[in-house]
Amino acid sequence: AIAVRRPDGGIVLREEAWLSFSARLPFLRWPLLRGASMMVESLYNGIVALNFSASVAYPEDDKAQKEAAKGGSGLWVTLAVSLAFAFGLFKGVPHLSAWGLGRLLGGEGETALPMTSPLFHLADGGIKLALFIGYIALISRMNEVKRLFMYHGAEHKSVHVWEADEPLDVEHARTKSTAHPRCGTSLILLVIATSIVVFAAVLPFVPVVFDNDFAQALFLLVVKMPLLLPIAGLAYEGQRFAARNPGNLLIRALIAPGMLLQRLTTREPGDRELEVALAALKKTVWR
């Protein structure tokens, strides 16, 4: 269900059946596989929702109308381009930056951060996290993104109301937190932490294929691509476990950074944003 505020103040509610990948291929429900499957589905449905909402909120925008009408293969192309951009920015740039930093700090022809060293992957992860935070901080200055983050906060508040078994209305939603332990922002932080551990454990066993250090760095970047699927799976299982044990002090300490990071990706919503979030949730719960 997708709810969108029209320019005239009304709310458009769209409902559409979705057959998940795991319903078509039951083995995708297995632990470690379901996380990667869920992330791809979320990206696809997110792009569908954004295109539809743009076509409703900006009916005079020809580009928004064309994007909404694309459907099918057009959306998969958009998804592929988005994933390629994300991989280049949040995988390629940190990896090559860590390589360059090692060469800069090392002696002539040497590196202070060998790619088989855990320090290399810590540097990689640190640069990745800094890039992510900087990227979010930069786009959050845009008015459209500020509104998007208000809807993100409204989504969390609405889910909190439903989980508390309270009436799904604005009055009850206002009092809830804009942070949620199952948020995608927290999952991204878990993915970064998991990637440091997995890369540090796996990459030392990858053979040296190129004598040239930069060529070997590019080769290892390619090797990292298929490892993203088990990394996403491990991070997803970690988040599920944390969500099932919210009262555990150790779990609360571990998820605290992710909850804190949500201050960047959520904003306190107004009643108008809460009305839209609750409209979508009510339709979902009713179905």
C-alpha atoms as a PDB file:
ATOM      1  CA  ALA A   1       0.000   0.000   0.000  1.00  0.00           C
ATOM      2  CA  ILE A   2       1.286   3.468  -0.951  1.00  0.00           C
ATOM      3  CA  ALA A   3      -0.303   6.645   0.392  1.00  0.00           C
ATOM      4  CA  VAL A   4       0.548  10.017  -1.158  1.00  0.00           C
ATOM      5  CA  ARG A   5      -0.552  13.568  -0.309  1.00  0.00           C
ATOM      6  CA  ARG A   6      -2.031  15.300  -3.369  1.00  0.00           C
ATOM      7  CA  PRO A   7      -1.345  19.006  -4.067  1.00  0.00           C
ATOM      8  CA  ASP A   8      -4.980  19.781  -3.132  1.00  0.00           C
ATOM      9  CA  GLY A   9      -4.470  18.228   0.321  1.00  0.00           C
ATOM     10  CA  GLY A  10      -6.237  14.918  -0.271  1.00  0.00           C
ATOM     11  CA  ILE A  11      -4.598  11.500   0.099  1.00  0.00           C
ATOM     12  CA  VAL A  12      -4.286   9.007  -2.761  1.00  0.00           C
ATOM     13  CA  LEU A  13      -4.088   5.388  -1.639  1.00  0.00           C
ATOM     14  CA  ARG A  14      -2.790   2.742  -4.037  1.00  0.00           C
ATOM     15  CA  GLU A  15      -2.911  -0.972  -3.284  1.00  0.00           C
ATOM     16  CA  GLU A  16      -1.193  -3.600  -5.388  1.00  0.00           C
ATOM     17  CA  ALA A  17      -0.444  -7.299  -4.910  1.00  0.00           C
ATOM     18  CA  TRP A  18       3.216  -8.227  -4.501  1.00  0.00           C
ATOM     19  CA  LEU A  19       4.448 -11.807  -4.827  1.00  0.00           C
ATOM     20  CA  SER A  20       7.776 -11.881  -2.995  1.00  0.00           C
ATOM     21  CA  PHE A  21      10.841 -13.635  -4.353  1.00  0.00           C
ATOM     22  CA  SER A  22      10.703 -16.092  -1.456  1.00  0.00           C
ATOM     23  CA  ALA A  23       7.101 -17.029  -2.364  1.00  0.00           C
ATOM     24  CA  ARG A  24       8.271 -17.876  -5.874  1.00  0.00           C
ATOM     25  CA  LEU A  25      11.534 -19.504  -4.737  1.00  0.00           C
ATOM     26  CA  PRO A  26      11.079 -20.933  -1.207  1.00  0.00           C
ATOM     27  CA  PHE A  27      14.824 -21.488  -0.666  1.00  0.00           C
ATOM     28  CA  LEU A  28      15.191 -17.691  -0.471  1.00  0.00           C
ATOM     29  CA  ARG A  29      13.518 -17.920   2.953  1.00  0.00           C
ATOM     30  CA  TRP A  30      16.596 -19.684   4.321  1.00  0.00           C
ATOM     31  CA  PRO A  31      18.788 -17.756   6.781  1.00  0.00           C
ATOM     32  CA  LEU A  32      21.595 -15.773   5.095  1.00  0.00           C
ATOM     33  CA  LEU A  33      19.703 -15.834   1.770  1.00  0.00           C
ATOM     34  CA  ARG A  34      16.560 -14.009   2.913  1.00  0.00           C
ATOM     35  CA  GLY A  35      18.492 -10.867   3.859  1.00  0.00           C
ATOM     36  CA  ALA A  36      19.896 -10.253   0.380  1.00  0.00           C
ATOM     37  CA  SER A  37      16.525 -11.133  -1.211  1.00  0.00           C
ATOM     38  CA  MET A  38      14.714  -8.735   1.119  1.00  0.00           C
ATOM     39  CA  MET A  39      17.120  -5.862   0.322  1.00  0.00           C
ATOM     40  CA  VAL A  40      16.645  -6.241  -3.445  1.00  0.00           C
ATOM     41  CA  GLU A  41      12.847  -6.367  -3.013  1.00  0.00           C
ATOM     42  CA  SER A  42      12.941  -3.288  -0.777  1.00  0.00           C
ATOM     43  CA  LEU A  43      14.992  -1.357  -3.341  1.00  0.00           C
ATOM     44  CA  TYR A  44      12.635  -2.307  -6.162  1.00  0.00           C
ATOM     45  CA  ASN A  45       9.452  -1.502  -4.221  1.00  0.00           C
ATOM     46  CA  GLY A  46      11.029   1.695  -2.915  1.00  0.00           C
ATOM     47  CA  ILE A  47      11.704   2.936  -6.450  1.00  0.00           C
ATOM     48  CA  VAL A  48       8.144   2.003  -7.472  1.00  0.00           C
ATOM     49  CA  ALA A  49       6.751   3.942  -4.503  1.00  0.00           C
ATOM     50  CA  LEU A  50       8.918   7.008  -5.145  1.00  0.00           C
ATOM     51  CA  ASN A  51       8.000   7.115  -8.840  1.00  0.00           C
ATOM     52  CA  PHE A  52       4.300   6.787  -8.047  1.00  0.00           C
ATOM     53  CA  SER A  53       4.431   9.404  -5.286  1.00  0.00           C
ATOM     54  CA  ALA A  54       6.264  11.861  -7.580  1.00  0.00           C
ATOM     55  CA  SER A  55       3.597  11.412 -10.267  1.00  0.00           C
ATOM     56  CA  VAL A  56       0.840  12.197  -7.735  1.00  0.00           C
ATOM     57  CA  ALA A  57       2.564  14.988  -5.796  1.00  0.00           C
ATOM     58  CA  TYR A  58       3.859  16.698  -8.971  1.00  0.00           C
ATOM     59  CA  PRO A  59       1.192  15.971 -11.635  1.00  0.00           C
ATOM     60  CA  GLU A  60       2.532  18.736 -13.879  1.00  0.00           C
ATOM     61  CA  ASP A  61       6.005  17.152 -14.014  1.00  0.00           C
ATOM     62  CA  ASP A  62       6.293  15.258 -17.328  1.00  0.00           C
ATOM     63  CA  LYS A  63       9.424  13.420 -16.169  1.00  0.00           C
ATOM     64  CA  ALA A  64       7.649  12.119 -13.049  1.00  0.00           C
ATOM     65  CA  GLN A  65       4.743  10.895 -15.179  1.00  0.00           C
ATOM     66  CA  LYS A  66       7.062   9.083 -17.590  1.00  0.00           C
ATOM     67  CA  GLU A  67       9.001   7.434 -14.750  1.00  0.00           C
ATOM     68  CA  ALA A  68       5.760   6.256 -13.143  1.00  0.00           C
ATOM     69  CA  ALA A  69       4.544   4.836 -16.451  1.00  0.00           C
ATOM     70  CA  LYS A  70       7.757   2.930 -17.190  1.00  0.00           C
ATOM     71  CA  GLY A  71       7.140  -0.094 -14.982  1.00  0.00           C
ATOM     72  CA  GLY A  72       8.662  -3.513 -15.644  1.00  0.00           C
ATOM     73  CA  SER A  73      12.065  -3.431 -17.308  1.00  0.00           C
ATOM     74  CA  GLY A  74      12.422   0.329 -16.867  1.00  0.00           C
ATOM     75  CA  LEU A  75      12.364  -0.029 -13.089  1.00  0.00           C
ATOM     76  CA  TRP A  76      14.916  -2.837 -13.188  1.00  0.00           C
ATOM     77  CA  VAL A  77      17.208  -0.606 -15.264  1.00  0.00           C
ATOM     78  CA  THR A  78      16.799   2.150 -12.667  1.00  0.00           C
ATOM     79  CA  LEU A  79      17.577  -0.364  -9.925  1.00  0.00           C
ATOM     80  CA  ALA A  80      20.695  -1.607 -11.750  1.00  0.00           C
ATOM     81  CA  VAL A  81      21.971   1.947 -12.272  1.00  0.00           C
ATOM     82  CA  SER A  82      21.293   2.784  -8.605  1.00  0.00           C
ATOM     83  CA  LEU A  83      23.173  -0.314  -7.421  1.00  0.00           C
ATOM     84  CA  ALA A  84      26.112   0.454  -9.739  1.00  0.00           C
ATOM     85  CA  PHE A  85      26.300   4.026  -8.396  1.00  0.00           C
ATOM     86  CA  ALA A  86      26.075   2.803  -4.795  1.00  0.00           C
ATOM     87  CA  PHE A  87      28.773   0.175  -5.366  1.00  0.00           C
ATOM     88  CA  GLY A  88      31.096   2.717  -6.968  1.00  0.00           C
ATOM     89  CA  LEU A  89      30.611   5.333  -4.257  1.00  0.00           C
ATOM     90  CA  PHE A  90      30.404   3.169  -1.132  1.00  0.00           C
ATOM     91  CA  LYS A  91      32.612   0.236  -2.176  1.00  0.00           C
ATOM     92  CA  GLY A  92      34.986   1.426  -4.887  1.00  0.00           C
ATOM     93  CA  VAL A  93      35.905   4.813  -3.395  1.00  0.00           C
ATOM     94  CA  PRO A  94      36.586   3.530   0.177  1.00  0.00           C
ATOM     95  CA  HIS A  95      38.543   0.489  -1.088  1.00  0.00           C
ATOM     96  CA  LEU A  96      40.796   2.510  -3.388  1.00  0.00           C
ATOM     97  CA  SER A  97      41.109   5.304  -0.812  1.00  0.00           C
ATOM     98  CA  ALA A  98      42.346   2.784   1.785  1.00  0.00           C
ATOM     99  CA  TRP A  99      44.796   1.453  -0.795  1.00  0.00           C
ATOM    100  CA  GLY A 100      46.024   4.983  -1.573  1.00  0.00           C
ATOM    101  CA  LEU A 101      46.292   5.827   2.129  1.00  0.00           C
ATOM    102  CA  GLY A 102      48.455   2.754   2.701  1.00  0.00           C
ATOM    103  CA  ARG A 103      50.788   3.744  -0.138  1.00  0.00           C
ATOM    104  CA  LEU A 104      50.941   7.300   1.152  1.00  0.00           C
ATOM    105  CA  LEU A 105      51.871   6.260   4.692  1.00  0.00           C
ATOM    106  CA  GLY A 106      54.270   3.499   3.604  1.00  0.00           C
ATOM    107  CA  GLY A 107      57.824   3.816   2.390  1.00  0.00           C
ATOM    108  CA  GLU A 108      58.919   3.859  -1.229  1.00  0.00           C
ATOM    109  CA  GLY A 109      57.259   0.942  -2.989  1.00  0.00           C
ATOM    110  CA  GLU A 110      55.736  -0.223   0.300  1.00  0.00           C
ATOM    111  CA  THR A 111      52.317   0.077   1.924  1.00  0.00           C
ATOM    112  CA  ALA A 112      51.422   0.705   5.542  1.00  0.00           C
ATOM    113  CA  LEU A 113      48.072  -1.042   4.992  1.00  0.00           C
ATOM    114  CA  PRO A 114      48.514  -4.420   3.270  1.00  0.00           C
ATOM    115  CA  MET A 115      45.227  -5.576   1.748  1.00  0.00           C
ATOM    116  CA  THR A 116      45.506  -8.815   3.732  1.00  0.00           C
ATOM    117  CA  SER A 117      45.659  -6.840   6.992  1.00  0.00           C
ATOM    118  CA  PRO A 118      42.599  -6.205   9.211  1.00  0.00           C
ATOM    119  CA  LEU A 119      43.814  -2.583   9.455  1.00  0.00           C
ATOM    120  CA  PHE A 120      43.152  -2.157   5.733  1.00  0.00           C
ATOM    121  CA  HIS A 121      39.539  -3.259   6.155  1.00  0.00           C
ATOM    122  CA  LEU A 122      39.106  -1.080   9.249  1.00  0.00           C
ATOM    123  CA  ALA A 123      40.315   1.902   7.222  1.00  0.00           C
ATOM    124  CA  ASP A 124      38.033   0.862   4.342  1.00  0.00           C
ATOM    125  CA  GLY A 125      35.042   0.611   6.713  1.00  0.00           C
ATOM    126  CA  GLY A 126      35.843   3.921   8.398  1.00  0.00           C
ATOM    127  CA  ILE A 127      36.050   5.755   5.067  1.00  0.00           C
ATOM    128  CA  LYS A 128      32.815   4.057   3.955  1.00  0.00           C
ATOM    129  CA  LEU A 129      30.992   5.178   7.101  1.00  0.00           C
ATOM    130  CA  ALA A 130      32.313   8.740   6.752  1.00  0.00           C
ATOM    131  CA  LEU A 131      31.154   8.817   3.119  1.00  0.00           C
ATOM    132  CA  PHE A 132      27.700   7.547   4.042  1.00  0.00           C
ATOM    133  CA  ILE A 133      27.252  10.079   6.856  1.00  0.00           C
ATOM    134  CA  GLY A 134      28.583  12.894   4.644  1.00  0.00           C
ATOM    135  CA  TYR A 135      26.281  11.867   1.781  1.00  0.00           C
ATOM    136  CA  ILE A 136      23.201  11.813   4.028  1.00  0.00           C
ATOM    137  CA  ALA A 137      24.173  15.119   5.670  1.00  0.00           C
ATOM    138  CA  LEU A 138      24.601  16.709   2.220  1.00  0.00           C
ATOM    139  CA  ILE A 139      21.319  15.563   0.652  1.00  0.00           C
ATOM    140  CA  SER A 140      19.407  16.325   3.877  1.00  0.00           C
ATOM    141  CA  ARG A 141      19.872  20.027   3.091  1.00  0.00           C
ATOM    142  CA  MET A 142      17.452  19.651   0.148  1.00  0.00           C
ATOM    143  CA  ASN A 143      13.832  20.548   0.951  1.00  0.00           C
ATOM    144  CA  GLU A 144      12.495  17.451  -0.839  1.00  0.00           C
ATOM    145  CA  VAL A 145      14.778  15.186   1.195  1.00  0.00           C
ATOM    146  CA  LYS A 146      13.820  16.929   4.437  1.00  0.00           C
ATOM    147  CA  ARG A 147      10.187  16.100   3.648  1.00  0.00           C
ATOM    148  CA  LEU A 148      11.187  12.527   2.755  1.00  0.00           C
ATOM    149  CA  PHE A 149      12.925  12.164   6.137  1.00  0.00           C
ATOM    150  CA  MET A 150       9.789  13.510   7.859  1.00  0.00           C
ATOM    151  CA  TYR A 151       7.806  10.712   6.199  1.00  0.00           C
ATOM    152  CA  HIS A 152      10.503   8.272   7.341  1.00  0.00           C
ATOM    153  CA  GLY A 153       9.935   9.474  10.912  1.00  0.00           C
ATOM    154  CA  ALA A 154       6.169   9.174  10.421  1.00  0.00           C
ATOM    155  CA  GLU A 155       6.608   5.587   9.216  1.00  0.00           C
ATOM    156  CA  HIS A 156       8.507   4.677  12.397  1.00  0.00           C
ATOM    157  CA  LYS A 157       5.990   6.365  14.658  1.00  0.00           C
ATOM    158  CA  SER A 158       3.114   4.558  12.934  1.00  0.00           C
ATOM    159  CA  VAL A 159       4.800   1.169  13.283  1.00  0.00           C
ATOM    160  CA  HIS A 160       5.476   1.879  16.967  1.00  0.00           C
ATOM    161  CA  VAL A 161       1.743   2.556  17.487  1.00  0.00           C
ATOM    162  CA  TRP A 162       0.782  -0.716  15.772  1.00  0.00           C
ATOM    163  CA  GLU A 163       3.351  -2.713  17.762  1.00  0.00           C
ATOM    164  CA  ALA A 164       2.035  -1.166  20.981  1.00  0.00           C
ATOM    165  CA  ASP A 165      -1.482  -2.347  20.000  1.00  0.00           C
ATOM    166  CA  GLU A 166      -2.814   1.207  20.253  1.00  0.00           C
ATOM    167  CA  PRO A 167      -5.364   2.941  17.986  1.00  0.00           C
ATOM    168  CA  LEU A 168      -3.853   3.888  14.623  1.00  0.00           C
ATOM    169  CA  ASP A 169      -4.492   7.607  14.883  1.00  0.00           C
ATOM    170  CA  VAL A 170      -2.416  10.788  14.864  1.00  0.00           C
ATOM    171  CA  GLU A 171      -2.925  11.455  18.575  1.00  0.00           C
ATOM    172  CA  HIS A 172      -1.220   8.188  19.585  1.00  0.00           C
ATOM    173  CA  ALA A 173       1.440   8.416  16.860  1.00  0.00           C
ATOM    174  CA  ARG A 174       2.640  11.879  17.943  1.00  0.00           C
ATOM    175  CA  THR A 175       4.093  10.539  21.206  1.00  0.00           C
ATOM    176  CA  LYS A 176       6.202   7.779  19.607  1.00  0.00           C
ATOM    177  CA  SER A 177       9.895   7.810  18.739  1.00  0.00           C
ATOM    178  CA  THR A 178      11.177   8.470  15.223  1.00  0.00           C
ATOM    179  CA  ALA A 179      13.845   5.760  15.771  1.00  0.00           C
ATOM    180  CA  HIS A 180      13.171   2.061  15.262  1.00  0.00           C
ATOM    181  CA  PRO A 181      15.496  -0.931  15.779  1.00  0.00           C
ATOM    182  CA  ARG A 182      14.533  -2.527  12.440  1.00  0.00           C
ATOM    183  CA  CYS A 183      15.227   0.602  10.402  1.00  0.00           C
ATOM    184  CA  GLY A 184      17.195   0.307   7.168  1.00  0.00           C
ATOM    185  CA  THR A 185      19.628   2.967   8.420  1.00  0.00           C
ATOM    186  CA  SER A 186      20.615   0.685  11.298  1.00  0.00           C
ATOM    187  CA  LEU A 187      20.886  -2.201   8.844  1.00  0.00           C
ATOM    188  CA  ILE A 188      23.354  -0.228   6.702  1.00  0.00           C
ATOM    189  CA  LEU A 189      25.557   0.328   9.751  1.00  0.00           C
ATOM    190  CA  LEU A 190      25.389  -3.408  10.494  1.00  0.00           C
ATOM    191  CA  VAL A 191      26.320  -4.174   6.885  1.00  0.00           C
ATOM    192  CA  ILE A 192      29.409  -1.949   7.151  1.00  0.00           C
ATOM    193  CA  ALA A 193      30.494  -3.603  10.421  1.00  0.00           C
ATOM    194  CA  THR A 194      29.854  -7.086   9.022  1.00  0.00           C
ATOM    195  CA  SER A 195      31.779  -6.314   5.841  1.00  0.00           C
ATOM    196  CA  ILE A 196      34.890  -5.399   7.857  1.00  0.00           C
ATOM    197  CA  VAL A 197      34.840  -8.807   9.566  1.00  0.00           C
ATOM    198  CA  VAL A 198      34.024 -10.821   6.422  1.00  0.00           C
ATOM    199  CA  PHE A 199      36.587  -9.088   4.199  1.00  0.00           C
ATOM    200  CA  ALA A 200      39.278  -9.384   6.891  1.00  0.00           C
ATOM    201  CA  ALA A 201      38.527 -13.119   7.174  1.00  0.00           C
ATOM    202  CA  VAL A 202      38.205 -13.955   3.459  1.00  0.00           C
ATOM    203  CA  LEU A 203      40.516 -11.682   1.436  1.00  0.00           C
ATOM    204  CA  PRO A 204      43.814 -12.960   2.955  1.00  0.00           C
ATOM    205  CA  PHE A 205      43.033 -16.309   1.284  1.00  0.00           C
ATOM    206  CA  VAL A 206      42.542 -14.771  -2.164  1.00  0.00           C
ATOM    207  CA  PRO A 207      45.651 -15.478  -4.285  1.00  0.00           C
ATOM    208  CA  VAL A 208      47.810 -12.703  -5.676  1.00  0.00           C
ATOM    209  CA  VAL A 209      46.924 -12.581  -9.371  1.00  0.00           C
ATOM    210  CA  PHE A 210      48.730  -9.398 -10.411  1.00  0.00           C
ATOM    211  CA  ASP A 211      52.263  -8.248  -9.641  1.00  0.00           C
ATOM    212  CA  ASN A 212      51.104  -4.656  -9.888  1.00  0.00           C
ATOM    213  CA  ASP A 213      49.681  -3.614  -6.502  1.00  0.00           C
ATOM    214  CA  PHE A 214      47.015  -1.323  -7.981  1.00  0.00           C
ATOM    215  CA  ALA A 215      45.833  -4.032 -10.387  1.00  0.00           C
ATOM    216  CA  GLN A 216      45.603  -6.450  -7.447  1.00  0.00           C
ATOM    217  CA  ALA A 217      43.580  -3.835  -5.530  1.00  0.00           C
ATOM    218  CA  LEU A 218      41.116  -3.630  -8.447  1.00  0.00           C
ATOM    219  CA  PHE A 219      40.955  -7.428  -8.578  1.00  0.00           C
ATOM    220  CA  LEU A 220      40.089  -7.632  -4.868  1.00  0.00           C
ATOM    221  CA  LEU A 221      37.400  -4.991  -5.399  1.00  0.00           C
ATOM    222  CA  VAL A 222      35.796  -7.309  -7.980  1.00  0.00           C
ATOM    223  CA  VAL A 223      36.110 -10.243  -5.548  1.00  0.00           C
ATOM    224  CA  LYS A 224      34.174  -8.208  -2.965  1.00  0.00           C
ATOM    225  CA  MET A 225      31.080  -7.983  -5.186  1.00  0.00           C
ATOM    226  CA  PRO A 226      29.727 -11.541  -4.687  1.00  0.00           C
ATOM    227  CA  LEU A 227      30.611 -11.320  -0.990  1.00  0.00           C
ATOM    228  CA  LEU A 228      28.001  -8.567  -0.586  1.00  0.00           C
ATOM    229  CA  LEU A 229      25.204 -11.173  -0.645  1.00  0.00           C
ATOM    230  CA  PRO A 230      26.365 -13.187   2.414  1.00  0.00           C
ATOM    231  CA  ILE A 231      27.304  -9.915   4.155  1.00  0.00           C
ATOM    232  CA  ALA A 232      23.754  -8.596   3.668  1.00  0.00           C
ATOM    233  CA  GLY A 233      22.407 -11.943   4.881  1.00  0.00           C
ATOM    234  CA  LEU A 234      24.537 -11.934   8.050  1.00  0.00           C
ATOM    235  CA  ALA A 235      23.646  -8.313   8.849  1.00  0.00           C
ATOM    236  CA  TYR A 236      19.935  -9.001   8.327  1.00  0.00           C
ATOM    237  CA  GLU A 237      20.012 -12.022  10.654  1.00  0.00           C
ATOM    238  CA  GLY A 238      21.815  -9.885  13.258  1.00  0.00           C
ATOM    239  CA  GLN A 239      19.122  -7.223  13.032  1.00  0.00           C
ATOM    240  CA  ARG A 240      16.342  -9.817  13.338  1.00  0.00           C
ATOM    241  CA  PHE A 241      17.992 -11.271  16.439  1.00  0.00           C
ATOM    242  CA  ALA A 242      18.360  -7.804  17.985  1.00  0.00           C
ATOM    243  CA  ALA A 243      14.703  -6.977  17.251  1.00  0.00           C
ATOM    244  CA  ARG A 244      13.602 -10.169  19.036  1.00  0.00           C
ATOM    245  CA  ASN A 245      15.632  -9.298  22.150  1.00  0.00           C
ATOM    246  CA  PRO A 246      15.093  -5.549  22.669  1.00  0.00           C
ATOM    247  CA  GLY A 247      15.387  -5.741  26.462  1.00  0.00           C
ATOM    248  CA  ASN A 248      18.870  -7.283  26.527  1.00  0.00           C
ATOM    249  CA  LEU A 249      21.395  -4.690  27.754  1.00  0.00           C
ATOM    250  CA  LEU A 250      24.173  -5.972  25.487  1.00  0.00           C
ATOM    251  CA  ILE A 251      21.852  -5.913  22.460  1.00  0.00           C
ATOM    252  CA  ARG A 252      20.732  -2.374  23.322  1.00  0.00           C
ATOM    253  CA  ALA A 253      24.372  -1.263  23.516  1.00  0.00           C
ATOM    254  CA  LEU A 254      25.130  -2.860  20.130  1.00  0.00           C
ATOM    255  CA  ILE A 255      22.150  -1.273  18.343  1.00  0.00           C
ATOM    256  CA  ALA A 256      22.653   2.147  19.981  1.00  0.00           C
ATOM    257  CA  PRO A 257      24.925   3.480  17.165  1.00  0.00           C
ATOM    258  CA  GLY A 258      22.305   2.540  14.565  1.00  0.00           C
ATOM    259  CA  MET A 259      19.530   4.193  16.563  1.00  0.00           C
ATOM    260  CA  LEU A 260      21.707   7.308  16.874  1.00  0.00           C
ATOM    261  CA  LEU A 261      22.438   7.339  13.144  1.00  0.00           C
ATOM    262  CA  GLN A 262      18.689   7.474  12.469  1.00  0.00           C
ATOM    263  CA  ARG A 263      18.743  11.061  13.682  1.00  0.00           C
ATOM    264  CA  LEU A 264      20.251  11.832  10.269  1.00  0.00           C
ATOM    265  CA  THR A 265      17.654   9.968   8.202  1.00  0.00           C
ATOM    266  CA  THR A 266      14.489  10.871  10.113  1.00  0.00           C
ATOM    267  CA  ARG A 267      12.862  14.179  11.029  1.00  0.00           C
ATOM    268  CA  GLU A 268      10.030  14.892  13.447  1.00  0.00           C
ATOM    269  CA  PRO A 269       6.889  14.693  11.280  1.00  0.00           C
ATOM    270  CA  GLY A 270       3.840  16.909  11.450  1.00  0.00           C
ATOM    271  CA  ASP A 271       0.259  15.688  11.576  1.00  0.00           C
ATOM    272  CA  ARG A 272       0.021  15.773   7.759  1.00  0.00           C
ATOM    273  CA  GLU A 273       2.896  13.299   7.401  1.00  0.00           C
ATOM    274  CA  LEU A 274       1.494  11.084  10.158  1.00  0.00           C
ATOM    275  CA  GLU A 275      -1.909  10.978   8.426  1.00  0.00           C
ATOM    276  CA  VAL A 276      -0.292   9.680   5.239  1.00  0.00           C
ATOM    277  CA  ALA A 277       1.824   7.049   7.025  1.00  0.00           C
ATOM    278  CA  LEU A 278      -1.176   5.854   9.039  1.00  0.00           C
ATOM    279  CA  ALA A 279      -3.344   5.644   5.899  1.00  0.00           C
ATOM    280  CA  ALA A 280      -0.854   3.245   4.281  1.00  0.00           C
ATOM    281  CA  LEU A 281      -0.465   1.204   7.464  1.00  0.00           C
ATOM    282  CA  LYS A 282      -4.222   0.924   8.046  1.00  0.00           C
ATOM    283  CA  LYS A 283      -4.701  -0.452   4.524  1.00  0.00           C
ATOM    284  CA  THR A 284      -1.861  -2.947   5.070  1.00  0.00           C
ATOM    285  CA  VAL A 285      -3.183  -4.103   8.444  1.00  0.00           C
ATOM    286  CA  TRP A 286      -6.731  -4.355   7.060  1.00  0.00           C
ATOM    287  CA  ARG A 287      -5.551  -6.532   4.183  1.00  0.00           C
END
